[in-house]
Amino acid sequence: MNVEGEQIETPSILKLLCDWSHIVDSCKFELGFNEHGHRGLLACQPIEAGETVFVLPFSHVLGIAAAQRIMDQEASKGRGMDAEHFMANIIVACQGDDTRIWCCVMSCALLCGLRYPLSAWGPYISSLPHLSGLDTVEQALRRTHALTVRIHMKEAARERNNGSKLSQDVLRHIKQTRDDILAKQRINDELNHVLLWTDEELKRTGDVTLQQLVIQDQGWLEQVWRQLFTDSEEEQPLVSLPSWMWAHAVVRSRAVGLLEQDLDAPRALFDSIGKVNYQGYTLQSAGVLLPVLDMINHDTELHNTKLEVRPDGIALVATAKVDTGDEFLFDYHAHGTLRFFLRSYGFVANTPCRQVFRASRCIELDITANASTSMMQLIKIDYFPSSQRLVFVIDDLSDVDGQLPLHEMMKYQTLACNCCRIVMLDYERSPKDEMNSYSSIETAIEYQKACLQLLQRAYQDLSVVCNFLSDG
C-alpha cells in the first residue's frame, strides 16, 4: 500500500542504524558484499584521502558506562538485570579480573536489548549477526528487527501523511512487512566465533594451544553464567547459556579499544563513556562497541581508513583515495598472530601471516611472512628467564631491517629448522576433510592450512640456508 500514492519503503538495517545513531553523510556509504562474499561498507561516491566519511556521536558509543545505564533503565521498568545486583555478582564471579568484568557487563547490556526489543539499543541489537540453530538468540533478533522496522515505517508514514491517522490499508501493509520479516528474513550473517565451537571443531585447527585457551574461556564463561543466572529460584534462567556465549562472542569480535592518550576529547567525556565507579571499585572499558563502524572489515596491508576520536564523536577518516564501489577497510591489529585473530575476531588473517608455534615445553617459533617471494631468515633469538623459553623469531626479508650475526645464525639455524619440521608433523596429523558448508569447519581448516603453509615455507627456506652454511 501507499500513502498519498507513494510506496512505503521497507528500511534497510543500515538506514535504521544511521537514523537511530544520528549519523549524517550516510549517502557516502552503503552495506554490500565484497569479492569474498563477506558483508562490509562500500563507498557510494569517490572519497579523497583525509576526508571524513562520517562521525558516530558519543551518545551512541556503547562503553561500560552506557552498558550500566542500559541495565538500570531496563531494571527500572521491572524487566531487566539491575546493575546494582549484577555488578556485585559479576565482580565476585570474575574474581576482580577487569577485562572479564568489562566483557560480562557489556554482554549483560546486549542481552537486555535482546530480551526487550523496544529497549534504547534495539536497533543496534537487530543489526548483529544471528546464531543459527539457537532459537533463543535468533528469534529474539528477528523480533527486535521486525519491531524496529514496524516503528520506523509508522513514523515515516505519519510524516508523509502530515501526522493524520493512518488508513487500515497502510497499517495492514506495515503489519505484513513485520510478519514477512518474522517468517522469512535472515537478519544478518551467521556469527562464527571459536567461543561457539565444539571440541571437535577446535581439533580441526591442529593448534593445541588454541584449543586449550578456548576451552578455558568457555569454562570460565559457563562458571560465571551459573553464578549469575542459575542460583535463583526460577525454573528457567533469566538468560540461556547459548545466549550468554553469543553475547560474549559479539563483544569480543566487535569491540574497539580507545586509548586515552589518543583522545582530543575532554577527559570527562572519556570517563563518561569508559569508566564506572561501583562502591569504590573503578571499572574501565577494555573497548567500546561502535554501531555502523563495526561493519567495516579488516585488512592489514590494504586498509584505507582509520578511526579518529574527536570532541563530537568517533570519526571514520580515509587514509587513501577510495573509489565508488570500493570497500572501506581498517587495520584491527597490525601485529596479531593467526591465533590472536581467530580467538578474538573469528577469522583467519593472512596478510601478513604470523604465528607463534610451540616446538617443545621451552622452545617456540615466531614466524612472519609478508611477501611470498622473499627468503625466510632467523633474525632474532629471545630468551625469557622467568618461563625458561627460547623464542626463534623468523621473518622474510621484506620487512626486516637487520638480522643475526653470521656466527649466531650458524649456531641456531639448524635447531630452528628442526623445530619447524617437528611442529609441521603435528599439524599434518590433523584431519584432511573436504570443505563443506558449515562455516566453523571451513574456518578451522583454513586456519590449519595457513599455519601449515607458514611452517612449510620457513622449513624450506631455513633448510636451504642450513645446507649453504654446512657446505661452506
Protein backbone atom coordinates (compact mmCIF):
# COMPACT_ATOMS: atom_id res chain seq x y z
CA MET A 1 0.00 0.00 0.00
CA ASN A 2 0.97 3.61 -0.14
CA VAL A 3 0.50 6.98 1.47
CA GLU A 4 -0.68 9.62 -1.00
CA GLY A 5 0.09 7.25 -3.85
CA GLU A 6 3.70 6.55 -2.82
CA GLN A 7 5.13 3.15 -1.89
CA ILE A 8 6.21 2.81 1.75
CA GLU A 9 9.78 1.57 1.52
CA THR A 10 10.96 -1.09 3.95
CA PRO A 11 14.08 0.42 5.55
CA SER A 12 17.38 -1.42 5.44
CA ILE A 13 19.34 -2.34 8.55
CA LEU A 14 21.91 0.33 7.67
CA LYS A 15 19.27 3.06 7.26
CA LEU A 16 17.71 2.13 10.61
CA LEU A 17 21.11 2.27 12.29
CA CYS A 18 22.11 5.60 10.74
CA ASP A 19 18.77 7.22 11.62
CA TRP A 20 18.91 5.85 15.15
CA SER A 21 22.54 6.92 15.77
CA HIS A 22 22.13 10.36 14.14
CA ILE A 23 24.86 9.72 11.57
CA VAL A 24 24.92 12.33 8.82
CA ASP A 25 26.62 11.82 5.43
CA SER A 26 25.11 8.33 5.22
CA CYS A 27 24.85 8.91 1.45
CA LYS A 28 28.60 8.30 1.22
CA PHE A 29 28.42 4.59 2.02
CA GLU A 30 26.23 1.51 1.73
CA LEU A 31 26.07 -2.02 3.05
CA GLY A 32 27.16 -4.55 0.45
CA PHE A 33 29.29 -7.62 -0.22
CA ASN A 34 32.97 -7.71 -1.14
CA GLU A 35 34.67 -10.02 -3.62
CA HIS A 36 34.94 -12.75 -0.95
CA GLY A 37 31.20 -12.67 -0.26
CA HIS A 38 31.59 -11.01 3.15
CA ARG A 39 29.38 -8.15 4.21
CA GLY A 40 31.03 -4.74 4.56
CA LEU A 41 30.72 -0.99 3.97
CA LEU A 42 31.24 0.18 0.38
CA ALA A 43 31.76 3.70 -0.93
CA CYS A 44 28.82 5.26 -2.81
CA GLN A 45 30.96 8.11 -4.14
CA PRO A 46 34.66 8.93 -4.51
CA ILE A 47 36.33 9.73 -1.17
CA GLU A 48 39.60 11.66 -1.07
CA ALA A 49 42.47 10.87 1.30
CA GLY A 50 41.98 12.80 4.54
CA GLU A 51 38.25 13.19 4.01
CA THR A 52 35.87 12.38 6.88
CA VAL A 53 33.42 9.70 5.79
CA PHE A 54 31.11 10.06 8.81
CA VAL A 55 31.12 10.65 12.57
CA LEU A 56 29.43 8.41 15.17
CA PRO A 57 28.21 10.62 18.06
CA PHE A 58 29.40 9.71 21.56
CA SER A 59 25.76 9.28 22.59
CA HIS A 60 25.73 6.04 20.58
CA VAL A 61 29.09 4.63 21.68
CA LEU A 62 28.50 1.62 23.94
CA GLY A 63 31.12 1.50 26.68
CA ILE A 64 30.89 0.14 30.19
CA ALA A 65 29.18 3.32 31.49
CA ALA A 66 26.48 3.12 28.81
CA ALA A 67 26.12 -0.60 29.50
CA GLN A 68 25.41 0.11 33.16
CA ARG A 69 22.79 2.72 32.20
CA ILE A 70 21.06 0.23 29.89
CA MET A 71 20.84 -2.32 32.68
CA ASP A 72 19.49 0.30 35.10
CA GLN A 73 16.92 1.58 32.60
CA GLU A 74 15.53 -1.90 31.96
CA ALA A 75 15.55 -2.75 35.68
CA SER A 76 13.58 0.44 36.44
CA LYS A 77 10.84 -0.95 34.20
CA GLY A 78 10.84 -4.17 36.19
CA ARG A 79 12.06 -6.30 33.33
CA GLY A 80 15.82 -6.43 33.32
CA MET A 81 19.10 -7.13 35.07
CA ASP A 82 19.62 -4.31 37.56
CA ALA A 83 23.22 -3.13 37.67
CA GLU A 84 23.23 -2.87 41.49
CA HIS A 85 22.66 -6.62 41.84
CA PHE A 86 24.57 -7.85 38.81
CA MET A 87 27.64 -5.61 39.17
CA ALA A 88 28.40 -7.02 42.61
CA ASN A 89 27.87 -10.60 41.42
CA ILE A 90 29.94 -10.07 38.27
CA ILE A 91 32.89 -8.65 40.25
CA VAL A 92 32.81 -11.65 42.60
CA ALA A 93 32.31 -14.21 39.81
CA CYS A 94 35.19 -12.76 37.74
CA GLN A 95 37.45 -12.60 40.83
CA GLY A 96 38.31 -8.95 40.20
CA ASP A 97 39.67 -9.51 36.67
CA ASP A 98 38.93 -6.14 35.00
CA THR A 99 38.83 -7.45 31.42
CA ARG A 100 36.43 -10.26 32.31
CA ILE A 101 34.24 -7.87 34.33
CA TRP A 102 34.09 -5.45 31.40
CA CYS A 103 33.15 -8.25 28.97
CA CYS A 104 30.41 -9.55 31.29
CA VAL A 105 28.87 -6.09 31.86
CA MET A 106 28.87 -5.37 28.12
CA SER A 107 27.30 -8.77 27.44
CA CYS A 108 24.56 -8.14 30.00
CA ALA A 109 23.72 -4.85 28.25
CA LEU A 110 23.40 -6.64 24.90
CA LEU A 111 21.19 -9.30 26.45
CA CYS A 112 18.90 -6.62 27.91
CA GLY A 113 18.32 -5.37 24.37
CA LEU A 114 17.94 -8.91 23.07
CA ARG A 115 15.25 -9.77 25.61
CA TYR A 116 13.38 -6.47 25.27
CA PRO A 117 13.29 -5.32 21.61
CA LEU A 118 11.92 -1.85 22.45
CA SER A 119 14.93 -1.00 24.61
CA ALA A 120 17.06 2.01 23.65
CA TRP A 121 19.64 -0.17 21.88
CA GLY A 122 17.12 -2.32 19.99
CA PRO A 123 18.14 -1.05 16.52
CA TYR A 124 21.78 -1.93 17.17
CA ILE A 125 20.88 -5.37 18.56
CA SER A 126 18.88 -6.09 15.40
CA SER A 127 21.97 -5.44 13.23
CA LEU A 128 24.15 -8.04 14.97
CA PRO A 129 24.97 -11.47 13.49
CA HIS A 130 22.50 -14.19 14.37
CA LEU A 131 23.23 -17.68 15.67
CA SER A 132 21.77 -20.44 13.53
CA GLY A 133 20.15 -23.28 15.45
CA LEU A 134 19.87 -21.40 18.73
CA ASP A 135 16.26 -20.21 18.80
CA THR A 136 16.63 -18.15 21.97
CA VAL A 137 19.00 -15.80 20.15
CA GLU A 138 17.80 -15.88 16.56
CA GLN A 139 14.11 -15.47 17.32
CA ALA A 140 14.84 -12.56 19.63
CA LEU A 141 16.97 -10.88 16.95
CA ARG A 142 14.23 -11.29 14.35
CA ARG A 143 11.62 -9.95 16.75
CA THR A 144 13.82 -6.97 17.56
CA HIS A 145 14.40 -6.13 13.90
CA ALA A 146 10.74 -6.64 12.96
CA LEU A 147 9.54 -4.28 15.70
CA THR A 148 12.17 -1.71 14.79
CA VAL A 149 11.10 -1.80 11.14
CA ARG A 150 7.45 -1.51 12.06
CA ILE A 151 8.02 1.55 14.27
CA HIS A 152 10.21 3.19 11.63
CA MET A 153 7.64 2.63 8.89
CA LYS A 154 4.83 4.02 11.06
CA GLU A 155 6.82 7.16 11.76
CA ALA A 156 7.69 7.61 8.09
CA ALA A 157 4.05 7.09 7.05
CA ARG A 158 2.77 9.59 9.61
CA GLU A 159 5.32 12.16 8.48
CA ARG A 160 4.19 11.78 4.85
CA ASN A 161 0.57 11.90 5.95
CA ASN A 162 1.16 15.14 7.90
CA GLY A 163 0.51 13.45 11.23
CA SER A 164 -3.05 12.39 10.41
CA LYS A 165 -4.46 8.97 11.29
CA LEU A 166 -3.17 6.17 9.07
CA SER A 167 -5.58 4.16 6.99
CA GLN A 168 -6.29 0.50 7.68
CA ASP A 169 -4.61 -0.40 4.37
CA VAL A 170 -1.39 1.30 5.43
CA LEU A 171 -1.45 -0.35 8.87
CA ARG A 172 -2.13 -3.71 7.23
CA HIS A 173 0.87 -3.22 4.92
CA ILE A 174 3.14 -2.36 7.85
CA LYS A 175 1.95 -5.40 9.83
CA GLN A 176 2.51 -7.63 6.78
CA THR A 177 6.06 -6.30 6.45
CA ARG A 178 6.71 -7.23 10.09
CA ASP A 179 5.21 -10.70 9.63
CA ASP A 180 7.29 -11.28 6.48
CA ILE A 181 10.44 -10.49 8.43
CA LEU A 182 9.47 -12.81 11.25
CA ALA A 183 8.61 -15.59 8.82
CA LYS A 184 11.40 -15.38 6.26
CA GLN A 185 14.20 -12.92 6.83
CA ARG A 186 17.66 -14.00 7.89
CA ILE A 187 18.69 -10.79 9.54
CA ASN A 188 22.38 -10.99 9.14
CA ASP A 189 25.47 -13.08 8.59
CA GLU A 190 25.75 -16.05 10.91
CA LEU A 191 28.10 -15.45 13.84
CA ASN A 192 31.19 -17.64 13.55
CA HIS A 193 33.39 -17.47 16.64
CA VAL A 194 35.58 -20.03 18.39
CA LEU A 195 33.69 -19.49 21.68
CA LEU A 196 30.76 -21.22 19.97
CA TRP A 197 32.75 -24.13 18.52
CA THR A 198 32.65 -27.70 19.77
CA ASP A 199 35.75 -29.65 20.86
CA GLU A 200 35.74 -31.49 17.54
CA GLU A 201 35.70 -28.26 15.56
CA LEU A 202 38.57 -26.87 17.64
CA LYS A 203 40.64 -30.01 16.97
CA ARG A 204 40.38 -29.36 13.22
CA THR A 205 42.67 -26.33 13.66
CA GLY A 206 45.56 -28.58 14.64
CA ASP A 207 46.56 -25.98 17.24
CA VAL A 208 46.70 -27.46 20.75
CA THR A 209 47.48 -24.08 22.33
CA LEU A 210 44.40 -22.51 20.73
CA GLN A 211 42.25 -25.44 21.86
CA GLN A 212 43.41 -25.06 25.46
CA LEU A 213 42.83 -21.29 25.51
CA VAL A 214 39.32 -21.53 24.04
CA ILE A 215 38.29 -24.39 26.35
CA GLN A 216 39.49 -22.29 29.30
CA ASP A 217 37.43 -19.34 28.01
CA GLN A 218 34.34 -21.50 27.59
CA GLY A 219 34.83 -22.95 31.06
CA TRP A 220 35.02 -19.69 32.97
CA LEU A 221 32.11 -18.24 30.97
CA GLU A 222 29.91 -21.18 31.89
CA GLN A 223 31.00 -20.89 35.53
CA VAL A 224 30.13 -17.16 35.64
CA TRP A 225 26.80 -17.84 33.88
CA ARG A 226 25.87 -20.42 36.54
CA GLN A 227 26.72 -17.98 39.33
CA LEU A 228 24.76 -15.12 37.73
CA PHE A 229 21.71 -16.81 36.28
CA THR A 230 21.09 -20.27 37.76
CA ASP A 231 21.23 -19.61 41.51
CA SER A 232 17.75 -18.08 41.62
CA GLU A 233 14.55 -19.96 42.46
CA GLU A 234 13.20 -19.58 38.91
CA GLU A 235 12.79 -22.78 36.91
CA GLN A 236 14.24 -21.20 33.77
CA PRO A 237 17.36 -18.99 34.00
CA LEU A 238 16.92 -15.36 33.02
CA VAL A 239 19.49 -15.89 30.24
CA SER A 240 20.28 -19.18 28.48
CA LEU A 241 23.89 -20.38 28.20
CA PRO A 242 23.84 -20.16 24.35
CA SER A 243 22.66 -16.55 24.55
CA TRP A 244 25.37 -15.76 27.12
CA MET A 245 28.06 -17.25 24.84
CA TRP A 246 26.61 -15.36 21.85
CA ALA A 247 26.79 -12.03 23.69
CA HIS A 248 30.42 -12.59 24.69
CA ALA A 249 31.35 -13.60 21.14
CA VAL A 250 29.77 -10.37 19.85
CA VAL A 251 31.64 -8.22 22.38
CA ARG A 252 34.99 -9.90 21.73
CA SER A 253 34.73 -9.79 17.96
CA ARG A 254 33.37 -6.24 17.60
CA ALA A 255 34.76 -4.12 20.46
CA VAL A 256 37.33 -1.46 19.60
CA GLY A 257 39.92 -0.21 22.09
CA LEU A 258 40.20 3.54 22.73
CA LEU A 259 43.48 4.85 24.11
CA GLU A 260 43.26 7.87 26.39
CA GLN A 261 46.45 9.40 25.00
CA ASP A 262 44.90 9.45 21.50
CA LEU A 263 41.84 11.43 22.59
CA ASP A 264 41.30 15.05 21.63
CA ALA A 265 38.04 14.98 23.58
CA PRO A 266 37.92 16.22 27.20
CA ARG A 267 38.90 13.64 29.82
CA ALA A 268 35.48 13.95 31.47
CA LEU A 269 33.85 12.86 28.21
CA PHE A 270 36.06 9.79 28.00
CA ASP A 271 35.26 8.91 31.62
CA SER A 272 31.53 9.22 30.92
CA ILE A 273 31.91 6.53 28.24
CA GLY A 274 34.64 4.31 29.53
CA LYS A 275 34.58 4.35 33.34
CA VAL A 276 32.21 3.29 36.11
CA ASN A 277 32.68 3.68 39.85
CA TYR A 278 30.88 1.00 41.80
CA GLN A 279 31.11 1.05 45.60
CA GLY A 280 34.69 2.32 45.48
CA TYR A 281 35.64 -0.08 42.67
CA THR A 282 36.63 1.65 39.40
CA LEU A 283 35.83 -0.30 36.24
CA GLN A 284 37.29 0.80 32.92
CA SER A 285 36.30 -0.22 29.41
CA ALA A 286 38.72 -2.51 27.64
CA GLY A 287 36.87 -1.48 24.48
CA VAL A 288 33.66 0.00 23.13
CA LEU A 289 31.03 -1.12 20.62
CA LEU A 290 30.65 1.24 17.66
CA PRO A 291 27.41 0.87 15.65
CA VAL A 292 27.94 1.08 11.85
CA LEU A 293 31.71 1.42 12.30
CA ASP A 294 31.85 -2.22 13.42
CA MET A 295 30.61 -3.27 9.98
CA ILE A 296 33.99 -2.33 8.46
CA ASN A 297 36.25 -5.28 7.67
CA HIS A 298 39.95 -5.78 8.42
CA ASP A 299 42.97 -5.68 6.15
CA THR A 300 46.49 -5.02 7.43
CA GLU A 301 48.03 -4.23 4.04
CA LEU A 302 45.14 -2.68 2.08
CA HIS A 303 43.39 -0.68 4.81
CA ASN A 304 42.23 2.72 3.59
CA THR A 305 40.64 4.26 6.69
CA LYS A 306 41.40 5.00 10.34
CA LEU A 307 39.38 5.98 13.40
CA GLU A 308 39.79 9.41 14.99
CA VAL A 309 38.35 10.35 18.37
CA ARG A 310 37.04 13.92 18.28
CA PRO A 311 35.08 16.10 20.70
CA ASP A 312 31.85 15.36 18.79
CA GLY A 313 32.33 11.62 18.37
CA ILE A 314 34.39 8.94 16.64
CA ALA A 315 35.15 9.68 13.00
CA LEU A 316 35.96 7.38 10.11
CA VAL A 317 38.66 9.12 8.04
CA ALA A 318 40.04 7.98 4.69
CA THR A 319 43.82 7.44 4.62
CA ALA A 320 43.87 6.88 0.87
CA LYS A 321 41.59 7.62 -2.07
CA VAL A 322 38.54 5.33 -2.12
CA ASP A 323 36.70 4.98 -5.43
CA THR A 324 32.98 4.35 -5.82
CA GLY A 325 32.22 0.70 -5.10
CA ASP A 326 35.47 0.12 -3.17
CA GLU A 327 35.26 -1.32 0.33
CA PHE A 328 36.20 0.67 3.41
CA LEU A 329 38.83 -1.27 5.41
CA PHE A 330 40.87 -0.65 8.51
CA ASP A 331 43.57 -2.49 10.42
CA TYR A 332 42.23 -4.19 13.55
CA HIS A 333 45.68 -5.15 14.87
CA ALA A 334 48.94 -4.68 12.97
CA HIS A 335 50.98 -7.43 14.68
CA GLY A 336 48.37 -10.01 15.63
CA THR A 337 49.05 -13.71 15.12
CA LEU A 338 46.78 -16.16 13.34
CA ARG A 339 45.79 -17.46 16.79
CA PHE A 340 45.00 -13.94 18.07
CA PHE A 341 42.75 -13.08 15.13
CA LEU A 342 40.83 -16.36 15.26
CA ARG A 343 40.40 -16.25 19.04
CA SER A 344 39.42 -12.56 19.10
CA TYR A 345 37.59 -11.87 15.85
CA GLY A 346 36.67 -15.29 14.49
CA PHE A 347 38.51 -15.19 11.15
CA VAL A 348 41.88 -16.15 9.65
CA ALA A 349 44.08 -13.14 8.80
CA ASN A 350 46.62 -13.95 6.09
CA THR A 351 48.20 -10.55 5.45
CA PRO A 352 50.74 -10.58 6.93
CA CYS A 353 50.68 -14.17 8.13
CA ARG A 354 52.22 -14.53 11.60
CA GLN A 355 52.05 -17.33 14.14
CA VAL A 356 53.82 -18.46 17.30
CA PHE A 357 54.38 -22.22 17.34
CA ARG A 358 55.42 -24.30 20.34
CA ALA A 359 58.05 -26.87 19.42
CA SER A 360 58.61 -28.10 22.96
CA ARG A 361 57.98 -27.02 26.52
CA CYS A 362 60.76 -24.41 26.33
CA ILE A 363 61.18 -23.67 22.61
CA GLU A 364 58.87 -21.55 20.43
CA LEU A 365 58.96 -20.31 16.84
CA ASP A 366 57.67 -16.83 15.99
CA ILE A 367 57.25 -16.86 12.18
CA THR A 368 56.06 -13.98 9.99
CA ALA A 369 55.55 -13.97 6.21
CA ASN A 370 54.95 -10.67 4.44
CA ALA A 371 55.94 -11.40 0.84
CA SER A 372 55.70 -14.84 -0.75
CA THR A 373 58.84 -14.25 -2.88
CA SER A 374 61.21 -13.32 -0.04
CA MET A 375 63.60 -15.69 1.69
CA MET A 376 62.95 -16.60 5.33
CA GLN A 377 65.70 -15.83 7.84
CA LEU A 378 66.31 -16.35 11.53
CA ILE A 379 66.58 -12.70 12.60
CA LYS A 380 66.46 -12.78 16.42
CA ILE A 381 66.54 -15.09 19.42
CA ASP A 382 64.67 -14.10 22.58
CA TYR A 383 65.20 -15.76 25.94
CA PHE A 384 62.67 -15.38 28.78
CA PRO A 385 64.30 -16.49 32.07
CA SER A 386 61.06 -16.44 34.08
CA SER A 387 59.48 -19.12 31.90
CA GLN A 388 62.77 -20.54 30.56
CA ARG A 389 61.55 -20.11 27.00
CA LEU A 390 63.74 -19.71 23.93
CA VAL A 391 61.90 -17.99 21.05
CA PHE A 392 63.28 -18.10 17.50
CA VAL A 393 62.00 -15.09 15.55
CA ILE A 394 61.84 -15.96 11.84
CA ASP A 395 60.83 -13.40 9.22
CA ASP A 396 61.10 -12.93 5.50
CA LEU A 397 63.48 -10.16 4.47
CA SER A 398 60.80 -7.88 3.00
CA ASP A 399 60.14 -6.11 6.30
CA VAL A 400 63.29 -6.63 8.35
CA ASP A 401 65.99 -4.02 8.92
CA GLY A 402 68.68 -6.23 10.38
CA GLN A 403 69.47 -9.85 11.11
CA LEU A 404 71.58 -12.01 13.39
CA PRO A 405 75.36 -12.00 13.06
CA LEU A 406 76.61 -14.87 10.94
CA HIS A 407 78.10 -16.82 13.87
CA GLU A 408 74.75 -16.65 15.75
CA MET A 409 72.87 -17.72 12.64
CA MET A 410 75.17 -20.72 12.13
CA LYS A 411 74.75 -21.68 15.78
CA TYR A 412 70.94 -21.75 15.84
CA GLN A 413 69.71 -22.07 12.24
CA THR A 414 69.74 -25.87 12.19
CA LEU A 415 67.87 -26.04 15.52
CA ALA A 416 65.19 -23.63 14.26
CA CYS A 417 64.85 -25.65 11.07
CA ASN A 418 64.40 -28.92 13.00
CA CYS A 419 61.79 -27.27 15.24
CA CYS A 420 59.82 -26.25 12.13
CA ARG A 421 59.87 -29.85 10.95
CA ILE A 422 58.68 -31.19 14.34
CA VAL A 423 55.75 -28.78 14.59
CA MET A 424 54.83 -29.37 10.96
CA LEU A 425 54.45 -33.10 11.65
CA ASP A 426 51.96 -32.30 14.43
CA TYR A 427 49.86 -30.22 12.07
CA GLU A 428 49.94 -32.88 9.36
CA ARG A 429 48.28 -35.37 11.73
CA SER A 430 45.08 -33.28 11.71
CA PRO A 431 42.10 -34.40 9.60
CA LYS A 432 42.11 -33.52 5.90
CA ASP A 433 38.34 -33.07 5.50
CA GLU A 434 36.94 -31.51 2.35
CA MET A 435 35.42 -28.06 2.75
CA ASN A 436 31.70 -28.07 3.44
CA SER A 437 29.00 -25.50 4.07
CA TYR A 438 29.48 -25.40 7.85
CA SER A 439 31.37 -22.16 8.42
CA SER A 440 33.17 -23.22 11.63
CA ILE A 441 34.72 -26.26 9.93
CA GLU A 442 35.71 -24.14 6.93
CA THR A 443 37.40 -21.61 9.19
CA ALA A 444 39.18 -24.32 11.21
CA ILE A 445 40.59 -25.95 8.07
CA GLU A 446 41.57 -22.56 6.63
CA TYR A 447 43.41 -21.80 9.87
CA GLN A 448 45.18 -25.17 9.85
CA LYS A 449 46.19 -24.67 6.21
CA ALA A 450 47.58 -21.17 6.85
CA CYS A 451 49.67 -22.46 9.79
CA LEU A 452 50.99 -25.41 7.82
CA GLN A 453 51.93 -23.28 4.79
CA LEU A 454 53.80 -20.87 7.06
CA LEU A 455 55.74 -23.73 8.64
CA GLN A 456 56.49 -25.39 5.30
CA ARG A 457 57.82 -22.18 3.84
CA ALA A 458 60.01 -21.44 6.87
CA TYR A 459 61.32 -25.02 6.92
CA GLN A 460 62.11 -24.96 3.19
CA ASP A 461 63.92 -21.62 3.31
CA LEU A 462 65.80 -22.38 6.53
CA SER A 463 66.84 -25.76 5.12
CA VAL A 464 68.40 -24.02 2.13
CA VAL A 465 70.32 -21.67 4.43
CA CYS A 466 71.40 -24.54 6.71
CA ASN A 467 72.68 -26.53 3.75
CA PHE A 468 74.51 -23.47 2.42
CA LEU A 469 76.18 -22.85 5.80
CA SER A 470 77.11 -26.52 6.25
CA ASP A 471 78.61 -26.68 2.73
CA GLY A 472 80.61 -23.51 3.46
